[in-house]
Every structure is written in structure tokens, then in C-alpha cells.
N, C-alpha and C. Protein backbone atom coordinates (compact mmCIF):
# COMPACT_ATOMS: atom_id res chain seq x y z
N MET A 1 94.90 58.97 104.84
CA MET A 1 95.81 59.98 105.16
C MET A 1 96.03 59.95 106.64
N CYS A 2 97.38 59.99 107.07
CA CYS A 2 97.71 60.00 108.49
C CYS A 2 97.61 61.40 109.07
N HIS A 3 96.85 61.60 110.02
CA HIS A 3 96.74 62.79 110.73
C HIS A 3 97.51 62.72 112.02
N VAL A 4 98.54 63.56 112.19
CA VAL A 4 99.35 63.50 113.44
C VAL A 4 98.64 64.48 114.41
N ILE A 5 98.13 63.97 115.47
CA ILE A 5 97.34 64.75 116.52
C ILE A 5 98.10 64.69 117.85
N VAL A 6 98.48 65.89 118.25
CA VAL A 6 99.24 65.98 119.51
C VAL A 6 98.47 66.89 120.45
N THR A 7 98.07 66.45 121.55
CA THR A 7 97.40 67.31 122.59
C THR A 7 98.16 67.10 123.94
N CYS A 8 97.98 68.04 124.82
CA CYS A 8 98.66 67.98 126.15
C CYS A 8 98.24 66.64 126.88
N ARG A 9 96.93 66.32 126.77
CA ARG A 9 96.47 65.18 127.54
C ARG A 9 96.96 63.90 126.92
N SER A 10 97.05 63.74 125.61
CA SER A 10 97.51 62.64 124.94
C SER A 10 99.05 62.36 125.16
N MET A 11 99.76 63.53 125.12
CA MET A 11 101.18 63.42 125.30
C MET A 11 101.52 63.06 126.77
N LEU A 12 100.73 63.60 127.70
CA LEU A 12 100.98 63.26 129.16
C LEU A 12 100.67 61.80 129.35
N TRP A 13 99.58 61.35 128.74
CA TRP A 13 99.27 59.97 128.92
C TRP A 13 100.34 58.98 128.32
N THR A 14 100.91 59.39 127.17
CA THR A 14 101.96 58.62 126.52
C THR A 14 103.18 58.60 127.40
N LEU A 15 103.58 59.78 127.92
CA LEU A 15 104.75 59.83 128.78
C LEU A 15 104.57 59.03 130.02
N LEU A 16 103.49 59.13 130.62
CA LEU A 16 103.18 58.42 131.90
C LEU A 16 103.23 56.92 131.62
N SER A 17 102.69 56.48 130.50
CA SER A 17 102.64 55.05 130.11
C SER A 17 104.06 54.50 130.01
N ILE A 18 104.95 55.29 129.38
CA ILE A 18 106.32 54.81 129.15
C ILE A 18 107.01 54.82 130.55
N VAL A 19 106.84 55.88 131.34
CA VAL A 19 107.49 55.92 132.63
C VAL A 19 107.06 54.81 133.60
N VAL A 20 105.81 54.40 133.53
CA VAL A 20 105.34 53.39 134.38
C VAL A 20 105.84 52.00 133.94
N ALA A 21 105.93 51.83 132.71
CA ALA A 21 106.48 50.52 132.15
C ALA A 21 107.95 50.36 132.56
N PHE A 22 108.71 51.40 132.41
CA PHE A 22 110.11 51.34 132.75
C PHE A 22 110.36 51.21 134.29
N ALA A 23 109.55 51.97 135.05
CA ALA A 23 109.66 51.88 136.52
C ALA A 23 109.37 50.46 136.99
N GLU A 24 108.29 49.82 136.48
CA GLU A 24 108.03 48.44 136.99
C GLU A 24 109.03 47.51 136.49
N LEU A 25 109.56 47.66 135.30
CA LEU A 25 110.57 46.75 134.69
C LEU A 25 111.88 46.85 135.54
N ILE A 26 112.29 48.01 135.86
CA ILE A 26 113.50 48.27 136.61
C ILE A 26 113.32 47.73 138.05
N ALA A 27 112.21 47.93 138.63
CA ALA A 27 111.89 47.42 140.00
C ALA A 27 112.04 45.86 139.99
N PHE A 28 111.32 45.28 139.04
CA PHE A 28 111.33 43.79 138.92
C PHE A 28 112.71 43.22 138.78
N MET A 29 113.58 43.87 138.04
CA MET A 29 114.89 43.35 137.75
C MET A 29 115.91 43.73 138.87
N SER A 30 115.52 44.46 139.82
CA SER A 30 116.38 45.02 140.88
C SER A 30 116.47 43.95 141.98
N ALA A 31 117.73 44.05 142.72
CA ALA A 31 117.87 43.22 143.88
C ALA A 31 117.51 43.93 145.16
N ASP A 32 117.05 45.18 145.10
CA ASP A 32 116.76 45.95 146.30
C ASP A 32 115.23 45.78 146.75
N TRP A 33 114.77 44.69 146.84
CA TRP A 33 113.41 44.47 147.35
C TRP A 33 113.55 44.34 148.88
N LEU A 34 114.40 43.63 149.39
CA LEU A 34 114.75 43.47 150.82
C LEU A 34 116.19 43.81 151.09
N VAL A 35 116.36 44.55 152.21
CA VAL A 35 117.66 44.94 152.66
C VAL A 35 118.01 44.14 153.91
N GLY A 36 118.95 43.22 153.93
CA GLY A 36 119.28 42.40 155.02
C GLY A 36 119.81 43.10 156.23
N PHE A 37 119.93 42.35 157.33
CA PHE A 37 120.59 42.89 158.47
C PHE A 37 122.10 43.04 158.30
N PRO A 38 122.68 43.94 159.01
CA PRO A 38 124.14 44.26 158.82
C PRO A 38 124.96 43.01 159.17
N ARG A 39 125.99 42.74 158.44
CA ARG A 39 126.95 41.59 158.65
C ARG A 39 128.29 41.96 158.21
N THR A 40 129.23 41.28 158.76
CA THR A 40 130.64 41.53 158.39
C THR A 40 131.20 40.47 157.47
N PRO A 41 131.73 40.82 156.29
CA PRO A 41 132.25 39.83 155.35
C PRO A 41 133.47 39.09 156.01
N ASP A 42 133.79 37.96 155.47
CA ASP A 42 134.92 37.17 155.84
C ASP A 42 136.14 38.06 155.70
N PRO A 43 137.05 38.02 156.71
CA PRO A 43 138.22 38.78 156.63
C PRO A 43 139.19 38.26 155.50
N ILE A 44 140.04 39.12 154.93
CA ILE A 44 140.96 38.70 153.94
C ILE A 44 142.19 38.22 154.63
N ILE A 45 142.69 37.07 154.25
CA ILE A 45 143.87 36.50 154.80
C ILE A 45 145.10 37.36 154.63
N GLY A 46 145.79 37.66 155.62
CA GLY A 46 146.97 38.46 155.48
C GLY A 46 146.80 39.91 155.60
N VAL A 47 145.46 40.42 155.80
CA VAL A 47 145.16 41.78 155.95
C VAL A 47 144.66 41.98 157.31
N HIS A 48 145.18 43.02 158.01
CA HIS A 48 144.90 43.30 159.42
C HIS A 48 143.64 44.19 159.40
N GLY A 49 142.83 44.14 160.50
CA GLY A 49 141.71 45.03 160.66
C GLY A 49 140.50 44.27 160.37
N THR A 50 139.30 44.63 160.90
CA THR A 50 138.05 44.09 160.76
C THR A 50 137.31 44.76 159.54
N PRO A 51 136.81 43.95 158.62
CA PRO A 51 136.10 44.57 157.50
C PRO A 51 134.84 45.32 157.94
N GLU A 52 134.46 46.38 157.31
CA GLU A 52 133.25 47.17 157.65
C GLU A 52 132.06 46.26 157.38
N PRO A 53 131.01 46.41 158.26
CA PRO A 53 129.81 45.68 158.07
C PRO A 53 129.05 46.22 156.90
N TYR A 54 128.21 45.44 156.26
CA TYR A 54 127.37 45.83 155.10
C TYR A 54 126.05 45.21 155.21
N ARG A 55 125.10 45.60 154.36
CA ARG A 55 123.73 45.06 154.31
C ARG A 55 123.54 44.43 152.99
N PRO A 56 123.41 43.16 152.78
CA PRO A 56 123.10 42.55 151.49
C PRO A 56 121.66 42.83 151.13
N THR A 57 121.37 42.78 149.84
CA THR A 57 120.04 42.95 149.36
C THR A 57 119.57 41.75 148.60
N LEU A 58 118.26 41.58 148.58
CA LEU A 58 117.67 40.37 147.95
C LEU A 58 116.40 40.80 147.20
N GLY A 59 116.45 40.43 145.93
CA GLY A 59 115.30 40.72 145.04
C GLY A 59 114.45 39.37 144.86
N ILE A 60 113.54 39.48 143.87
CA ILE A 60 112.75 38.29 143.59
C ILE A 60 113.59 37.19 142.99
N TYR A 61 114.57 37.53 142.17
CA TYR A 61 115.49 36.50 141.68
C TYR A 61 116.94 37.00 141.69
N MET A 62 117.20 38.12 142.06
CA MET A 62 118.47 38.75 142.14
C MET A 62 118.98 38.93 143.61
N ARG A 63 120.30 39.12 143.76
CA ARG A 63 120.78 39.42 145.07
C ARG A 63 122.12 40.18 144.90
N CYS A 64 122.45 40.98 145.96
CA CYS A 64 123.74 41.66 145.98
C CYS A 64 124.42 41.34 147.26
N ILE A 65 125.69 40.83 147.22
CA ILE A 65 126.42 40.58 148.45
C ILE A 65 127.89 41.14 148.30
N LYS A 66 128.47 41.27 149.42
CA LYS A 66 129.87 41.75 149.36
C LYS A 66 130.76 40.55 149.52
N VAL A 67 131.77 40.53 148.62
CA VAL A 67 132.70 39.42 148.50
C VAL A 67 134.10 39.93 148.85
N THR A 68 135.00 39.02 149.36
CA THR A 68 136.37 39.38 149.61
C THR A 68 137.31 38.52 148.80
N GLY A 69 138.51 38.83 148.84
CA GLY A 69 139.48 37.97 148.05
C GLY A 69 140.00 38.79 146.80
N TYR A 70 140.14 38.05 145.71
CA TYR A 70 140.62 38.68 144.48
C TYR A 70 139.66 39.80 143.91
N ARG A 71 138.38 39.41 143.97
CA ARG A 71 137.43 40.33 143.30
C ARG A 71 136.57 40.90 144.54
N ARG A 72 137.12 41.91 145.13
CA ARG A 72 136.50 42.46 146.32
C ARG A 72 135.46 43.54 145.97
N GLY A 73 134.43 43.69 146.74
CA GLY A 73 133.46 44.65 146.55
C GLY A 73 132.07 43.97 146.46
N VAL A 74 130.98 44.79 146.28
CA VAL A 74 129.63 44.35 146.23
C VAL A 74 129.33 43.79 144.85
N GLN A 75 128.92 42.62 144.69
CA GLN A 75 128.54 41.95 143.46
C GLN A 75 127.11 41.57 143.39
N CYS A 76 126.43 41.87 142.33
CA CYS A 76 125.07 41.61 142.17
C CYS A 76 124.87 40.67 140.90
N GLY A 77 123.93 39.83 141.08
CA GLY A 77 123.56 38.89 140.08
C GLY A 77 122.36 37.98 140.46
N PRO A 78 121.91 37.16 139.60
CA PRO A 78 120.84 36.29 139.89
C PRO A 78 121.25 35.11 140.79
N TYR A 79 120.48 34.89 141.81
CA TYR A 79 120.67 33.71 142.67
C TYR A 79 119.92 32.61 142.07
N ALA A 80 118.91 32.85 141.26
CA ALA A 80 118.05 31.77 140.62
C ALA A 80 118.26 31.82 139.19
N VAL A 81 119.03 30.85 138.66
CA VAL A 81 119.25 30.72 137.21
C VAL A 81 118.07 30.15 136.53
N GLU A 82 117.36 29.22 137.14
CA GLU A 82 116.18 28.68 136.62
C GLU A 82 114.99 29.14 137.41
N PHE A 83 113.77 29.10 136.75
CA PHE A 83 112.58 29.58 137.44
C PHE A 83 112.25 28.81 138.78
N GLY A 84 112.55 27.52 138.74
CA GLY A 84 112.29 26.68 139.91
C GLY A 84 113.16 26.99 141.08
N GLU A 85 114.36 27.77 140.86
CA GLU A 85 115.20 28.13 141.92
C GLU A 85 114.85 29.41 142.73
N ILE A 86 113.80 30.06 142.23
CA ILE A 86 113.30 31.26 142.96
C ILE A 86 112.91 30.82 144.36
N ALA A 87 113.13 31.74 145.38
CA ALA A 87 113.13 31.42 146.73
C ALA A 87 111.94 30.60 147.25
N SER A 88 110.68 30.90 146.77
CA SER A 88 109.55 30.15 147.31
C SER A 88 108.51 30.16 146.18
N GLY A 89 107.44 29.32 146.41
CA GLY A 89 106.36 29.24 145.44
C GLY A 89 105.62 30.56 145.33
N PHE A 90 105.51 31.32 146.48
CA PHE A 90 104.85 32.66 146.44
C PHE A 90 105.60 33.58 145.57
N TRP A 91 106.99 33.57 145.62
CA TRP A 91 107.75 34.49 144.82
C TRP A 91 107.67 34.05 143.35
N GLN A 92 107.54 32.70 143.09
CA GLN A 92 107.40 32.34 141.69
C GLN A 92 106.00 32.83 141.15
N ALA A 93 105.03 32.75 141.93
CA ALA A 93 103.70 33.35 141.48
C ALA A 93 103.82 34.89 141.33
N THR A 94 104.55 35.55 142.26
CA THR A 94 104.85 36.96 142.12
C THR A 94 105.51 37.27 140.88
N ALA A 95 106.56 36.51 140.46
CA ALA A 95 107.26 36.65 139.27
C ALA A 95 106.40 36.52 138.05
N ILE A 96 105.45 35.64 138.13
CA ILE A 96 104.49 35.41 136.94
C ILE A 96 103.57 36.58 136.82
N PHE A 97 102.95 36.97 137.91
CA PHE A 97 102.00 38.06 137.90
C PHE A 97 102.67 39.38 137.57
N LEU A 98 103.78 39.74 138.14
CA LEU A 98 104.46 40.94 137.81
C LEU A 98 104.92 40.87 136.38
N GLY A 99 105.48 39.76 135.96
CA GLY A 99 106.05 39.73 134.54
C GLY A 99 104.94 39.94 133.61
N THR A 100 103.65 39.32 133.79
CA THR A 100 102.62 39.50 132.93
C THR A 100 102.16 40.99 132.93
N GLY A 101 102.03 41.53 134.09
CA GLY A 101 101.67 42.97 134.06
C GLY A 101 102.64 43.83 133.42
N ILE A 102 103.91 43.62 133.65
CA ILE A 102 104.94 44.41 132.93
C ILE A 102 104.93 44.22 131.40
N LEU A 103 104.73 43.00 130.96
CA LEU A 103 104.62 42.73 129.54
C LEU A 103 103.46 43.59 128.93
N LEU A 104 102.40 43.59 129.67
CA LEU A 104 101.21 44.40 129.09
C LEU A 104 101.62 45.88 129.17
N LEU A 105 102.20 46.35 130.24
CA LEU A 105 102.61 47.72 130.22
C LEU A 105 103.52 48.19 129.15
N CYS A 106 104.52 47.23 128.83
CA CYS A 106 105.57 47.50 127.81
C CYS A 106 104.88 47.55 126.44
N ALA A 107 103.85 46.71 126.23
CA ALA A 107 103.12 46.72 125.01
C ALA A 107 102.32 47.93 124.77
N VAL A 108 101.75 48.44 125.91
CA VAL A 108 101.03 49.65 125.89
C VAL A 108 101.89 50.88 125.66
N ALA A 109 103.08 50.92 126.26
CA ALA A 109 104.09 51.89 126.08
C ALA A 109 104.52 52.03 124.61
N PHE A 110 104.75 50.81 124.01
CA PHE A 110 105.12 50.85 122.61
C PHE A 110 103.99 51.35 121.68
N ILE A 111 102.76 50.90 122.00
CA ILE A 111 101.65 51.33 121.13
C ILE A 111 101.32 52.81 121.28
N SER A 112 101.54 53.33 122.52
CA SER A 112 101.26 54.72 122.84
C SER A 112 102.06 55.71 121.98
N VAL A 113 103.30 55.30 121.52
CA VAL A 113 104.04 56.13 120.74
C VAL A 113 103.42 56.45 119.40
N PHE A 114 102.61 55.50 118.91
CA PHE A 114 101.95 55.58 117.60
C PHE A 114 100.55 56.17 117.61
N THR A 115 100.07 56.49 118.89
CA THR A 115 98.80 57.11 118.94
C THR A 115 98.71 58.48 118.41
N MET A 116 99.80 59.12 118.18
CA MET A 116 99.86 60.50 117.55
C MET A 116 99.27 60.41 116.18
N CYS A 117 99.50 59.30 115.55
CA CYS A 117 99.22 59.10 114.10
C CYS A 117 97.97 58.15 113.91
N PHE A 118 97.83 57.28 114.79
CA PHE A 118 96.70 56.28 114.68
C PHE A 118 95.87 56.30 115.93
N GLN A 119 94.67 56.78 115.83
CA GLN A 119 93.81 56.94 117.12
C GLN A 119 92.80 55.82 117.25
N SER A 120 92.69 54.92 116.17
CA SER A 120 91.74 53.82 116.24
C SER A 120 92.28 52.66 115.43
N ILE A 121 91.71 51.48 115.72
CA ILE A 121 92.05 50.23 115.10
C ILE A 121 90.89 49.30 115.11
N MET A 122 90.41 48.91 113.85
CA MET A 122 89.19 48.18 113.66
C MET A 122 88.06 48.86 114.38
N LYS A 123 87.96 50.11 114.20
CA LYS A 123 86.93 51.08 114.65
C LYS A 123 86.90 51.16 116.25
N LYS A 124 87.95 50.70 116.89
CA LYS A 124 88.04 50.79 118.28
C LYS A 124 89.10 51.80 118.68
N SER A 125 88.74 52.62 119.66
CA SER A 125 89.73 53.71 120.08
C SER A 125 91.00 52.99 120.70
N ILE A 126 92.10 53.36 120.20
CA ILE A 126 93.40 52.78 120.78
C ILE A 126 93.56 53.18 122.22
N PHE A 127 93.12 54.39 122.51
CA PHE A 127 93.25 54.84 123.91
C PHE A 127 92.45 54.05 124.86
N ASN A 128 91.21 53.70 124.42
CA ASN A 128 90.36 52.90 125.32
C ASN A 128 90.88 51.44 125.50
N VAL A 129 91.34 50.91 124.36
CA VAL A 129 92.00 49.58 124.38
C VAL A 129 93.15 49.51 125.27
N CYS A 130 94.10 50.57 125.12
CA CYS A 130 95.26 50.61 125.95
C CYS A 130 94.84 50.88 127.42
N GLY A 131 93.86 51.67 127.71
CA GLY A 131 93.45 51.85 129.12
C GLY A 131 93.00 50.59 129.67
N LEU A 132 92.19 49.76 128.95
CA LEU A 132 91.74 48.44 129.47
C LEU A 132 92.92 47.62 129.69
N LEU A 133 93.88 47.54 128.89
CA LEU A 133 95.11 46.75 129.05
C LEU A 133 95.87 47.21 130.39
N GLN A 134 95.89 48.52 130.54
CA GLN A 134 96.62 49.05 131.75
C GLN A 134 95.84 48.67 133.01
N GLY A 135 94.56 48.67 132.96
CA GLY A 135 93.74 48.26 134.07
C GLY A 135 93.96 46.81 134.49
N ILE A 136 94.03 45.92 133.43
CA ILE A 136 94.31 44.54 133.53
C ILE A 136 95.68 44.36 134.22
N ALA A 137 96.69 45.09 133.62
CA ALA A 137 98.04 44.98 134.08
C ALA A 137 98.17 45.34 135.56
N GLY A 138 97.41 46.44 136.02
CA GLY A 138 97.36 46.88 137.38
C GLY A 138 96.81 45.73 138.28
N LEU A 139 95.89 45.00 137.80
CA LEU A 139 95.33 43.85 138.63
C LEU A 139 96.37 42.91 138.79
N PHE A 140 97.10 42.50 137.75
CA PHE A 140 98.19 41.52 137.85
C PHE A 140 99.32 42.00 138.86
N LEU A 141 99.64 43.25 138.78
CA LEU A 141 100.67 43.80 139.56
C LEU A 141 100.19 43.75 141.10
N ILE A 142 98.94 44.07 141.37
CA ILE A 142 98.39 44.01 142.69
C ILE A 142 98.57 42.62 143.26
N LEU A 143 98.15 41.67 142.41
CA LEU A 143 98.16 40.20 142.85
C LEU A 143 99.68 39.82 143.16
N GLY A 144 100.58 40.20 142.41
CA GLY A 144 101.98 39.94 142.55
C GLY A 144 102.52 40.60 143.87
N LEU A 145 102.19 41.79 144.12
CA LEU A 145 102.59 42.49 145.32
C LEU A 145 101.97 41.94 146.60
N MET A 146 100.75 41.45 146.49
CA MET A 146 100.00 40.82 147.68
C MET A 146 100.72 39.49 147.96
N LEU A 147 101.14 38.76 147.04
CA LEU A 147 101.76 37.47 147.14
C LEU A 147 103.19 37.55 147.70
N TYR A 148 103.91 38.66 147.30
CA TYR A 148 105.34 38.79 147.62
C TYR A 148 105.61 38.67 149.09
N PRO A 149 104.92 39.31 150.03
CA PRO A 149 105.34 39.18 151.46
C PRO A 149 105.00 37.79 151.97
N ALA A 150 104.17 37.02 151.32
CA ALA A 150 103.88 35.66 151.81
C ALA A 150 105.06 34.73 151.69
N GLY A 151 106.07 35.15 150.89
CA GLY A 151 107.28 34.36 150.64
C GLY A 151 108.40 34.77 151.64
N TRP A 152 108.14 35.62 152.58
CA TRP A 152 109.24 36.06 153.59
C TRP A 152 109.63 34.98 154.56
N GLY A 153 108.85 33.84 154.57
CA GLY A 153 109.26 32.79 155.47
C GLY A 153 110.16 31.73 154.84
N SER A 154 110.52 31.96 153.61
CA SER A 154 111.44 30.94 152.93
C SER A 154 112.82 30.90 153.51
N ASP A 155 113.57 29.81 153.25
CA ASP A 155 114.88 29.63 153.74
C ASP A 155 115.78 30.81 153.24
N LYS A 156 115.69 31.18 152.02
CA LYS A 156 116.50 32.24 151.45
C LYS A 156 116.33 33.51 152.20
N VAL A 157 115.08 33.90 152.42
CA VAL A 157 114.78 35.14 153.22
C VAL A 157 115.30 35.07 154.59
N LEU A 158 115.13 33.94 155.27
CA LEU A 158 115.63 33.68 156.61
C LEU A 158 117.17 33.96 156.74
N SER A 159 117.89 33.60 155.65
CA SER A 159 119.30 33.76 155.71
C SER A 159 119.69 35.25 155.63
N TYR A 160 118.73 36.08 155.08
CA TYR A 160 119.06 37.52 154.92
C TYR A 160 118.42 38.29 156.04
N CYS A 161 117.26 37.88 156.61
CA CYS A 161 116.49 38.62 157.54
C CYS A 161 116.38 38.03 158.93
N GLY A 162 117.12 36.88 159.12
CA GLY A 162 117.13 36.39 160.47
C GLY A 162 115.96 35.41 160.78
N PRO A 163 115.99 34.69 161.83
CA PRO A 163 114.99 33.61 162.19
C PRO A 163 113.69 34.23 162.56
N ASP A 164 113.50 35.49 162.72
CA ASP A 164 112.26 36.11 163.13
C ASP A 164 111.35 36.33 161.92
N ALA A 165 111.95 36.27 160.74
CA ALA A 165 111.21 36.56 159.45
C ALA A 165 110.20 35.40 159.22
N SER A 166 109.07 35.72 158.72
CA SER A 166 107.98 34.83 158.42
C SER A 166 107.12 35.49 157.39
N ALA A 167 106.06 34.79 156.96
CA ALA A 167 105.13 35.33 156.02
C ALA A 167 104.56 36.68 156.51
N TYR A 168 104.67 37.78 155.70
CA TYR A 168 104.22 39.06 156.07
C TYR A 168 104.91 39.64 157.29
N LYS A 169 105.95 39.11 157.67
CA LYS A 169 106.85 39.63 158.79
C LYS A 169 108.22 39.68 158.29
N VAL A 170 108.80 40.89 158.19
CA VAL A 170 110.11 41.02 157.52
C VAL A 170 111.27 40.75 158.35
N GLY A 171 111.08 40.57 159.67
CA GLY A 171 112.14 40.27 160.55
C GLY A 171 113.21 41.39 160.66
N GLN A 172 114.50 41.10 160.54
CA GLN A 172 115.51 42.14 160.67
C GLN A 172 115.76 42.86 159.43
N CYS A 173 115.04 42.54 158.37
CA CYS A 173 115.28 43.22 157.01
C CYS A 173 114.45 44.47 157.08
N SER A 174 114.71 45.31 156.05
CA SER A 174 113.89 46.48 155.74
C SER A 174 113.53 46.43 154.22
N LEU A 175 112.47 47.10 153.88
CA LEU A 175 112.05 47.10 152.53
C LEU A 175 112.90 48.03 151.73
N GLY A 176 113.35 47.53 150.46
CA GLY A 176 114.17 48.42 149.62
C GLY A 176 113.35 49.33 148.70
N TRP A 177 114.07 50.08 147.91
CA TRP A 177 113.39 51.08 147.03
C TRP A 177 112.64 50.33 145.89
N ALA A 178 113.11 49.21 145.51
CA ALA A 178 112.42 48.53 144.43
C ALA A 178 110.97 48.18 144.85
N PHE A 179 110.70 47.73 146.05
CA PHE A 179 109.39 47.40 146.49
C PHE A 179 108.50 48.63 146.48
N TYR A 180 109.00 49.72 146.94
CA TYR A 180 108.16 51.01 146.89
C TYR A 180 107.97 51.49 145.46
N THR A 181 108.96 51.30 144.62
CA THR A 181 108.83 51.70 143.25
C THR A 181 107.71 50.91 142.61
N ALA A 182 107.68 49.58 142.85
CA ALA A 182 106.72 48.70 142.28
C ALA A 182 105.27 49.11 142.76
N ILE A 183 105.11 49.52 144.01
CA ILE A 183 103.84 50.03 144.57
C ILE A 183 103.49 51.29 143.83
N GLY A 184 104.39 52.27 143.82
CA GLY A 184 104.16 53.50 143.14
C GLY A 184 103.72 53.32 141.69
N GLY A 185 104.47 52.42 140.98
CA GLY A 185 104.21 52.20 139.58
C GLY A 185 102.82 51.53 139.32
N THR A 186 102.36 50.73 140.38
CA THR A 186 101.04 50.14 140.33
C THR A 186 99.93 51.20 140.44
N VAL A 187 100.17 52.14 141.39
CA VAL A 187 99.22 53.29 141.52
C VAL A 187 99.13 54.09 140.21
N LEU A 188 100.31 54.41 139.65
CA LEU A 188 100.35 55.17 138.39
C LEU A 188 99.69 54.36 137.24
N THR A 189 99.74 53.11 137.29
CA THR A 189 99.21 52.30 136.21
C THR A 189 97.67 52.54 136.14
N PHE A 190 97.04 52.55 137.32
CA PHE A 190 95.55 52.75 137.32
C PHE A 190 95.28 54.20 136.94
N ILE A 191 96.21 55.15 137.31
CA ILE A 191 95.96 56.51 136.99
C ILE A 191 95.98 56.61 135.46
N CYS A 192 97.02 55.97 134.81
CA CYS A 192 97.12 55.98 133.38
C CYS A 192 95.87 55.34 132.70
N ALA A 193 95.29 54.31 133.25
CA ALA A 193 94.17 53.64 132.75
C ALA A 193 92.97 54.60 132.74
N VAL A 194 92.80 55.35 133.80
CA VAL A 194 91.73 56.32 133.90
C VAL A 194 91.99 57.48 132.91
N PHE A 195 93.24 57.93 132.86
CA PHE A 195 93.50 59.10 132.04
C PHE A 195 93.52 58.82 130.62
N SER A 196 93.54 57.57 130.17
CA SER A 196 93.45 57.23 128.74
C SER A 196 92.18 57.67 128.14
N ALA A 197 91.09 57.79 128.97
CA ALA A 197 89.85 58.21 128.44
C ALA A 197 89.88 59.76 128.14
N GLN A 198 90.65 60.57 129.04
CA GLN A 198 90.85 61.91 128.72
C GLN A 198 91.64 62.15 127.49
N ALA A 199 92.66 61.30 127.32
CA ALA A 199 93.45 61.41 126.05
C ALA A 199 92.57 61.16 124.81
N GLU A 200 91.67 60.16 124.88
CA GLU A 200 90.79 59.89 123.75
C GLU A 200 89.85 61.04 123.56
N ILE A 201 89.34 61.67 124.53
CA ILE A 201 88.43 62.83 124.41
C ILE A 201 89.20 64.00 123.72
N ALA A 202 90.44 64.21 124.13
CA ALA A 202 91.24 65.26 123.65
C ALA A 202 91.51 65.17 122.16
N THR A 203 91.77 63.91 121.71
CA THR A 203 92.16 63.71 120.30
C THR A 203 90.92 63.63 119.40
N SER A 204 89.74 63.54 120.00
CA SER A 204 88.49 63.44 119.12
C SER A 204 87.61 64.65 119.34
N SER A 205 88.17 65.68 119.90
CA SER A 205 87.33 66.90 120.26
C SER A 205 86.92 67.65 118.96
N ASP A 206 85.86 68.51 119.17
CA ASP A 206 85.42 69.26 117.96
C ASP A 206 86.52 70.12 117.30
N LYS A 207 87.40 70.63 118.16
CA LYS A 207 88.53 71.55 117.59
C LYS A 207 89.47 70.67 116.75
N VAL A 208 89.69 69.50 117.09
CA VAL A 208 90.55 68.55 116.26
C VAL A 208 89.80 68.23 114.97
N GLN A 209 88.52 68.00 115.03
CA GLN A 209 87.77 67.60 113.79
C GLN A 209 87.74 68.82 112.83
N GLU A 210 87.61 69.98 113.39
CA GLU A 210 87.66 71.19 112.55
C GLU A 210 88.92 71.39 111.77
N GLU A 211 90.02 71.12 112.48
CA GLU A 211 91.34 71.22 111.77
C GLU A 211 91.58 70.11 110.78
N ILE A 212 90.95 68.97 111.03
CA ILE A 212 91.06 67.90 110.07
C ILE A 212 90.28 68.29 108.75
N GLU A 213 89.08 68.88 108.96
CA GLU A 213 88.32 69.33 107.83
C GLU A 213 88.95 70.37 107.04
N GLU A 214 89.85 71.17 107.75
CA GLU A 214 90.53 72.28 106.97
C GLU A 214 91.74 71.73 106.26
N GLY A 215 91.97 70.36 106.37
CA GLY A 215 93.02 69.78 105.61
C GLY A 215 94.42 69.75 106.26
N LYS A 216 94.45 70.01 107.52
CA LYS A 216 95.77 69.97 108.27
C LYS A 216 96.14 68.56 108.53
N SER A 217 97.43 68.24 108.31
CA SER A 217 97.90 66.93 108.64
C SER A 217 98.58 66.85 110.05
N LEU A 218 99.10 68.02 110.50
CA LEU A 218 99.74 68.10 111.78
C LEU A 218 98.89 68.95 112.68
N ILE A 219 98.35 68.45 113.70
CA ILE A 219 97.39 69.20 114.64
C ILE A 219 97.96 69.13 115.99
N CYS A 220 98.30 70.30 116.53
CA CYS A 220 98.83 70.47 117.86
C CYS A 220 97.96 71.36 118.71
N LEU A 221 97.42 70.79 119.73
CA LEU A 221 96.55 71.56 120.56
C LEU A 221 97.06 71.50 122.07
N LEU A 222 97.05 72.74 122.67
CA LEU A 222 97.40 72.84 124.11
C LEU A 222 96.23 72.52 124.93
């Protein structure tokens, strides 16, 4: 018989797990990791006046630039169609580590939805298993974020950040929201890993066991 067990701690852990997975995924897919120095787009033939300067953005495999002509405006898309076209070997390693970590986080987020009904699998607590996976994912994310600045000396970054850019030196660029989101998500990943133990304790408490013995199939505890 499936016992649906909902507690504040287990629901909070589930929500945090989902938020962290989406935050890391959105950051990884974003082009706003580096914000380039201001530049002026090429003027449109036949139109008077100087175009307003803008700041292009560069992600791990995405970029946003301002174009002129028939399709004017800021356009975003991948600059690297294939894995080997990513700006540098360091960024390729970053993509692998971040991708692996995000894959684990997405798997945990998917599993966490079902922890209300299933609290164990093969006599192992799902919360503890998920917490372990989140800890491993956090380590992958840290490795990716540590390698990312090492790729700032690549030719692609130099074109966005100027000749002063080098490994761990951003030059004329500034860090975008995606980089900070990835860092914040990594911190929350470890918080989720620790908090999974509290979720497991909450769903296996004496109060829960008493209500199961009373024959209740839906157990909600604050």
C-alpha cells in the first residue's frame, strides 16, 4: 500500500531540489556568463546617425550580438555547433563537468517528486541516495566553475574582452548573471544534500509511524 507522506521538511527539500536543477540548467544554457566591453555596431547604409553602443554577451557555447541590416536587433544563438568548437579546452571540460552535475540534479529533481509516495528503494532511503547524488553533483559543479575562468585567455574571449584578458583575468568584460546563478545554485546544491537527511528524518518520525499504524494513507505533518 502506498502511503503518501507530506511534511514541511520533505516538501521544502523537494522544492529546493527542483529550483536548483532549473537554476543550473538555465545558467548553463544562457549566453550571459561574460558581458563584453561596449562597442558600436556597423552603421546601416543609407541611415544617418551613429548607432548606439551595446555590450555583447558570451556563454560557454552561446553568444548574443547586435546585428544591423534586414534583421536588426540583438540576436542570440550558439557560436559552437559542435562540441569541438567551444572556445577552449577548459570550457569544454567545464561543459562536461557542469553537464554531468546538471544531469544528476535533474534526475534527483524528478525522483524527489515521487518521494511523497515512495520513501525507500531496495531498503535504501531515497532521501539519502538523492542527498548523495546531490553532493556528487555539487563536486562536479565546483570543478566546472573552477575551470571556467582558465579559459578566459582563448581567442574567442579576447574578441569580447580585449587583449588584456587572460586565464583568471576577465579584462574589459564583466561577469554576467549566469555565472553568479551557477555559483548560487552550487551552494544550494550542497544545502539540499545536507537537508535531505532532515527530510528523511521527518518522513520516518514516530508521529508518521503512528498514523501509518492507524491505517491512514495520506499523512500530512507540519
